[in-house]
Amino acid sequence: MQPQGAIFLALPHLGPILLWLLTRHRMSGWVGTRPPVPELLLHADLRRDGTPSCLLCYASYLVWKDLGGGFGRPLALPLGLYAVQLAVSWAVLILFFAAHTHGLALLHLLLLYGLVVSTALIWHPINKLAAVLLLPYLAWLTVTASIAYRLWRDSLCPNHQPQPMGEKSD
């Protein structure tokens, strides 16, 4: 791996780490009033279960390398779309964990899903492996979007939250 490859390894982790550093003190109060799912999601996103994030890093490096390295014109669309994807993923973290707007975070997750699919389609002719390496990230986004949807729905209709077995609702 060329030395510039370190940028591709570090970049996807920058947003989650900065968010955690800026909001870790406020998270404990928020988590105490809600189910523990959001805090678990933040910690999971910081690691992003390791594998999808590392695969994303490696895939972007493969595309960069196959297009000749540097930061010239041929890289504008493939890596520009990837940069937008990273920015939207960081915005999702801010909306979800700092602003606590689950509905808006869900809309951004759906946008992010489309961006990742578009990135895979654009990367496929450049490097097929790089496109395939985006699939675990899409799976992670599917799980995250379903959790965000559930939290958003429960915030709109708190009376429709599931009751523990044996308890009756009013």
C-alpha atoms as a PDB file:
ATOM      1  CA  MET A   1       0.000   0.000   0.000  1.00  0.00           C
ATOM      2  CA  GLN A   2       1.300   3.448  -0.885  1.00  0.00           C
ATOM      3  CA  PRO A   3       1.700   6.038   1.904  1.00  0.00           C
ATOM      4  CA  GLN A   4      -1.303   7.971   0.580  1.00  0.00           C
ATOM      5  CA  GLY A   5      -3.381   4.897   1.368  1.00  0.00           C
ATOM      6  CA  ALA A   6      -3.307   5.918   5.031  1.00  0.00           C
ATOM      7  CA  ILE A   7      -5.683   8.759   4.126  1.00  0.00           C
ATOM      8  CA  PHE A   8      -8.205   6.225   2.867  1.00  0.00           C
ATOM      9  CA  LEU A   9      -7.850   4.198   6.048  1.00  0.00           C
ATOM     10  CA  ALA A  10      -8.320   7.169   8.385  1.00  0.00           C
ATOM     11  CA  LEU A  11     -10.959   9.237   6.609  1.00  0.00           C
ATOM     12  CA  PRO A  12     -14.097   7.131   7.275  1.00  0.00           C
ATOM     13  CA  HIS A  13     -13.250   6.996  10.993  1.00  0.00           C
ATOM     14  CA  LEU A  14     -12.815  10.746  11.380  1.00  0.00           C
ATOM     15  CA  GLY A  15     -16.508  11.700  11.614  1.00  0.00           C
ATOM     16  CA  PRO A  16     -17.558   9.108  14.209  1.00  0.00           C
ATOM     17  CA  ILE A  17     -14.506   9.817  16.376  1.00  0.00           C
ATOM     18  CA  LEU A  18     -15.096  13.586  16.310  1.00  0.00           C
ATOM     19  CA  LEU A  19     -18.794  13.119  17.091  1.00  0.00           C
ATOM     20  CA  TRP A  20     -17.997  10.852  20.019  1.00  0.00           C
ATOM     21  CA  LEU A  21     -15.456  13.343  21.373  1.00  0.00           C
ATOM     22  CA  LEU A  22     -17.937  16.219  21.100  1.00  0.00           C
ATOM     23  CA  THR A  23     -21.045  14.444  22.416  1.00  0.00           C
ATOM     24  CA  ARG A  24     -19.873  11.774  24.859  1.00  0.00           C
ATOM     25  CA  HIS A  25     -20.774  13.901  27.886  1.00  0.00           C
ATOM     26  CA  ARG A  26     -24.286  14.633  26.600  1.00  0.00           C
ATOM     27  CA  MET A  27     -24.975  11.035  25.582  1.00  0.00           C
ATOM     28  CA  SER A  28     -25.295   9.696  29.121  1.00  0.00           C
ATOM     29  CA  GLY A  29     -28.224  12.018  29.927  1.00  0.00           C
ATOM     30  CA  TRP A  30     -29.989  11.200  26.679  1.00  0.00           C
ATOM     31  CA  VAL A  31     -29.458   7.482  26.978  1.00  0.00           C
ATOM     32  CA  GLY A  32     -30.750   7.504  30.556  1.00  0.00           C
ATOM     33  CA  THR A  33     -34.186   8.660  29.350  1.00  0.00           C
ATOM     34  CA  ARG A  34     -34.454   6.261  26.394  1.00  0.00           C
ATOM     35  CA  PRO A  35     -33.738   2.632  25.582  1.00  0.00           C
ATOM     36  CA  PRO A  36     -29.974   1.941  25.320  1.00  0.00           C
ATOM     37  CA  VAL A  37     -30.125   1.346  21.544  1.00  0.00           C
ATOM     38  CA  PRO A  38     -28.770   4.788  20.442  1.00  0.00           C
ATOM     39  CA  GLU A  39     -25.641   4.543  22.587  1.00  0.00           C
ATOM     40  CA  LEU A  40     -25.020   1.031  21.315  1.00  0.00           C
ATOM     41  CA  LEU A  41     -25.423   2.311  17.763  1.00  0.00           C
ATOM     42  CA  LEU A  42     -22.868   5.052  18.343  1.00  0.00           C
ATOM     43  CA  HIS A  43     -20.340   2.626  19.774  1.00  0.00           C
ATOM     44  CA  ALA A  44     -21.058   0.205  16.929  1.00  0.00           C
ATOM     45  CA  ASP A  45     -20.656   3.014  14.411  1.00  0.00           C
ATOM     46  CA  LEU A  46     -17.354   4.022  15.975  1.00  0.00           C
ATOM     47  CA  ARG A  47     -16.134   0.503  15.225  1.00  0.00           C
ATOM     48  CA  ARG A  48     -18.701  -0.029  12.475  1.00  0.00           C
ATOM     49  CA  ASP A  49     -18.218  -3.615  13.452  1.00  0.00           C
ATOM     50  CA  GLY A  50     -14.709  -3.213  12.089  1.00  0.00           C
ATOM     51  CA  THR A  51     -15.181  -5.175   8.925  1.00  0.00           C
ATOM     52  CA  PRO A  52     -17.544  -2.954   6.852  1.00  0.00           C
ATOM     53  CA  SER A  53     -15.519   0.148   7.649  1.00  0.00           C
ATOM     54  CA  CYS A  54     -12.185  -1.456   6.811  1.00  0.00           C
ATOM     55  CA  LEU A  55     -13.646  -2.864   3.611  1.00  0.00           C
ATOM     56  CA  LEU A  56     -14.921   0.600   2.695  1.00  0.00           C
ATOM     57  CA  CYS A  57     -11.448   2.033   3.286  1.00  0.00           C
ATOM     58  CA  TYR A  58      -9.772  -0.645   1.216  1.00  0.00           C
ATOM     59  CA  ALA A  59     -12.326  -0.355  -1.595  1.00  0.00           C
ATOM     60  CA  SER A  60     -11.768   3.395  -1.935  1.00  0.00           C
ATOM     61  CA  TYR A  61      -8.012   2.785  -1.979  1.00  0.00           C
ATOM     62  CA  LEU A  62      -8.404   0.206  -4.773  1.00  0.00           C
ATOM     63  CA  VAL A  63     -10.355   2.666  -6.923  1.00  0.00           C
ATOM     64  CA  TRP A  64      -7.863   5.425  -6.241  1.00  0.00           C
ATOM     65  CA  LYS A  65      -4.939   3.142  -7.131  1.00  0.00           C
ATOM     66  CA  ASP A  66      -6.580   1.725 -10.275  1.00  0.00           C
ATOM     67  CA  LEU A  67      -7.236   5.229 -11.574  1.00  0.00           C
ATOM     68  CA  GLY A  68      -3.562   6.116 -11.291  1.00  0.00           C
ATOM     69  CA  GLY A  69      -3.384   7.641  -7.814  1.00  0.00           C
ATOM     70  CA  GLY A  70      -3.039  11.324  -7.188  1.00  0.00           C
ATOM     71  CA  PHE A  71      -6.116  13.503  -7.230  1.00  0.00           C
ATOM     72  CA  GLY A  72      -6.606  14.254 -10.914  1.00  0.00           C
ATOM     73  CA  ARG A  73      -9.687  14.575 -13.071  1.00  0.00           C
ATOM     74  CA  PRO A  74     -10.400  10.820 -13.554  1.00  0.00           C
ATOM     75  CA  LEU A  75     -10.910  10.499  -9.795  1.00  0.00           C
ATOM     76  CA  ALA A  76     -13.387  13.382  -9.529  1.00  0.00           C
ATOM     77  CA  LEU A  77     -16.594  11.366  -9.929  1.00  0.00           C
ATOM     78  CA  PRO A  78     -15.694   8.049  -8.263  1.00  0.00           C
ATOM     79  CA  LEU A  79     -13.992   9.576  -5.235  1.00  0.00           C
ATOM     80  CA  GLY A  80     -16.143  12.703  -5.216  1.00  0.00           C
ATOM     81  CA  LEU A  81     -19.223  10.514  -4.810  1.00  0.00           C
ATOM     82  CA  TYR A  82     -17.414   8.631  -2.062  1.00  0.00           C
ATOM     83  CA  ALA A  83     -16.601  11.935  -0.303  1.00  0.00           C
ATOM     84  CA  VAL A  84     -20.271  12.975  -0.470  1.00  0.00           C
ATOM     85  CA  GLN A  85     -21.195   9.568   0.918  1.00  0.00           C
ATOM     86  CA  LEU A  86     -18.832  10.094   3.875  1.00  0.00           C
ATOM     87  CA  ALA A  87     -20.219  13.582   4.516  1.00  0.00           C
ATOM     88  CA  VAL A  88     -23.803  12.283   4.522  1.00  0.00           C
ATOM     89  CA  SER A  89     -22.843   9.424   6.847  1.00  0.00           C
ATOM     90  CA  TRP A  90     -21.317  11.952   9.267  1.00  0.00           C
ATOM     91  CA  ALA A  91     -24.474  14.097   8.980  1.00  0.00           C
ATOM     92  CA  VAL A  92     -26.544  11.038   9.910  1.00  0.00           C
ATOM     93  CA  LEU A  93     -24.460  10.626  13.060  1.00  0.00           C
ATOM     94  CA  ILE A  94     -24.972  14.271  13.989  1.00  0.00           C
ATOM     95  CA  LEU A  95     -28.718  14.124  13.324  1.00  0.00           C
ATOM     96  CA  PHE A  96     -29.145  10.887  15.207  1.00  0.00           C
ATOM     97  CA  PHE A  97     -26.857  11.305  18.199  1.00  0.00           C
ATOM     98  CA  ALA A  98     -26.377  15.053  18.674  1.00  0.00           C
ATOM     99  CA  ALA A  99     -29.675  16.503  17.416  1.00  0.00           C
ATOM    100  CA  HIS A 100     -31.830  13.438  18.283  1.00  0.00           C
ATOM    101  CA  THR A 101     -33.910  13.840  15.109  1.00  0.00           C
ATOM    102  CA  HIS A 102     -34.595  10.244  14.147  1.00  0.00           C
ATOM    103  CA  GLY A 103     -36.907  11.076  11.233  1.00  0.00           C
ATOM    104  CA  LEU A 104     -34.384  13.361   9.578  1.00  0.00           C
ATOM    105  CA  ALA A 105     -31.626  10.849  10.276  1.00  0.00           C
ATOM    106  CA  LEU A 106     -33.754   8.172   8.592  1.00  0.00           C
ATOM    107  CA  LEU A 107     -34.155  10.339   5.470  1.00  0.00           C
ATOM    108  CA  HIS A 108     -30.396  10.869   5.363  1.00  0.00           C
ATOM    109  CA  LEU A 109     -29.848   7.115   5.792  1.00  0.00           C
ATOM    110  CA  LEU A 110     -32.071   6.482   2.769  1.00  0.00           C
ATOM    111  CA  LEU A 111     -30.084   9.087   0.813  1.00  0.00           C
ATOM    112  CA  LEU A 112     -26.869   7.416   1.974  1.00  0.00           C
ATOM    113  CA  TYR A 113     -28.158   4.032   0.838  1.00  0.00           C
ATOM    114  CA  GLY A 114     -28.725   5.467  -2.645  1.00  0.00           C
ATOM    115  CA  LEU A 115     -25.275   7.044  -2.647  1.00  0.00           C
ATOM    116  CA  VAL A 116     -23.609   3.759  -1.704  1.00  0.00           C
ATOM    117  CA  VAL A 117     -25.492   1.897  -4.455  1.00  0.00           C
ATOM    118  CA  SER A 118     -24.499   4.636  -6.939  1.00  0.00           C
ATOM    119  CA  THR A 119     -20.901   4.422  -5.779  1.00  0.00           C
ATOM    120  CA  ALA A 120     -20.898   0.652  -6.271  1.00  0.00           C
ATOM    121  CA  LEU A 121     -22.281   1.068  -9.799  1.00  0.00           C
ATOM    122  CA  ILE A 122     -19.643   3.658 -10.684  1.00  0.00           C
ATOM    123  CA  TRP A 123     -16.817   1.679  -9.088  1.00  0.00           C
ATOM    124  CA  HIS A 124     -17.773  -1.619 -10.749  1.00  0.00           C
ATOM    125  CA  PRO A 125     -16.166  -0.852 -14.153  1.00  0.00           C
ATOM    126  CA  ILE A 126     -13.055   0.492 -12.390  1.00  0.00           C
ATOM    127  CA  ASN A 127     -12.558  -2.294  -9.870  1.00  0.00           C
ATOM    128  CA  LYS A 128     -15.118  -5.075  -9.401  1.00  0.00           C
ATOM    129  CA  LEU A 129     -13.730  -6.056  -6.013  1.00  0.00           C
ATOM    130  CA  ALA A 130     -14.134  -2.490  -4.723  1.00  0.00           C
ATOM    131  CA  ALA A 131     -17.796  -2.514  -5.757  1.00  0.00           C
ATOM    132  CA  VAL A 132     -18.407  -5.878  -4.061  1.00  0.00           C
ATOM    133  CA  LEU A 133     -16.680  -4.664  -0.895  1.00  0.00           C
ATOM    134  CA  LEU A 134     -19.485  -2.108  -0.451  1.00  0.00           C
ATOM    135  CA  LEU A 135     -22.065  -4.865   0.162  1.00  0.00           C
ATOM    136  CA  PRO A 136     -21.338  -5.303   3.907  1.00  0.00           C
ATOM    137  CA  TYR A 137     -21.728  -1.541   4.328  1.00  0.00           C
ATOM    138  CA  LEU A 138     -25.113  -1.730   2.596  1.00  0.00           C
ATOM    139  CA  ALA A 139     -26.104  -4.485   5.021  1.00  0.00           C
ATOM    140  CA  TRP A 140     -25.011  -2.301   7.953  1.00  0.00           C
ATOM    141  CA  LEU A 141     -27.041   0.622   6.553  1.00  0.00           C
ATOM    142  CA  THR A 142     -30.094  -1.623   6.248  1.00  0.00           C
ATOM    143  CA  VAL A 143     -29.899  -2.555   9.932  1.00  0.00           C
ATOM    144  CA  THR A 144     -29.215   1.040  10.986  1.00  0.00           C
ATOM    145  CA  ALA A 145     -32.120   2.369   8.903  1.00  0.00           C
ATOM    146  CA  SER A 146     -34.520  -0.177  10.392  1.00  0.00           C
ATOM    147  CA  ILE A 147     -33.475   0.854  13.922  1.00  0.00           C
ATOM    148  CA  ALA A 148     -33.799   4.553  13.039  1.00  0.00           C
ATOM    149  CA  TYR A 149     -37.237   3.875  11.559  1.00  0.00           C
ATOM    150  CA  ARG A 150     -38.339   2.090  14.729  1.00  0.00           C
ATOM    151  CA  LEU A 151     -37.094   4.899  16.975  1.00  0.00           C
ATOM    152  CA  TRP A 152     -38.746   7.510  14.756  1.00  0.00           C
ATOM    153  CA  ARG A 153     -42.047   5.601  14.708  1.00  0.00           C
ATOM    154  CA  ASP A 154     -41.982   5.076  18.472  1.00  0.00           C
ATOM    155  CA  SER A 155     -41.338   8.787  19.022  1.00  0.00           C
ATOM    156  CA  LEU A 156     -44.422   9.626  16.931  1.00  0.00           C
ATOM    157  CA  CYS A 157     -46.690   7.038  18.560  1.00  0.00           C
ATOM    158  CA  PRO A 158     -45.435   6.333  22.091  1.00  0.00           C
ATOM    159  CA  ASN A 159     -48.656   4.415  22.948  1.00  0.00           C
ATOM    160  CA  HIS A 160     -47.878   1.794  20.305  1.00  0.00           C
ATOM    161  CA  GLN A 161     -44.575   0.685  21.816  1.00  0.00           C
ATOM    162  CA  PRO A 162     -44.443  -3.031  22.593  1.00  0.00           C
ATOM    163  CA  GLN A 163     -45.367  -4.005  26.155  1.00  0.00           C
ATOM    164  CA  PRO A 164     -43.401  -6.596  28.122  1.00  0.00           C
ATOM    165  CA  MET A 165     -45.142  -9.948  28.440  1.00  0.00           C
ATOM    166  CA  GLY A 166     -47.781 -10.046  31.165  1.00  0.00           C
ATOM    167  CA  GLU A 167     -48.391  -6.270  31.302  1.00  0.00           C
ATOM    168  CA  LYS A 168     -51.568  -4.672  30.019  1.00  0.00           C
ATOM    169  CA  SER A 169     -51.621  -1.323  28.282  1.00  0.00           C
ATOM    170  CA  ASP A 170     -54.108   1.358  29.350  1.00  0.00           C
END
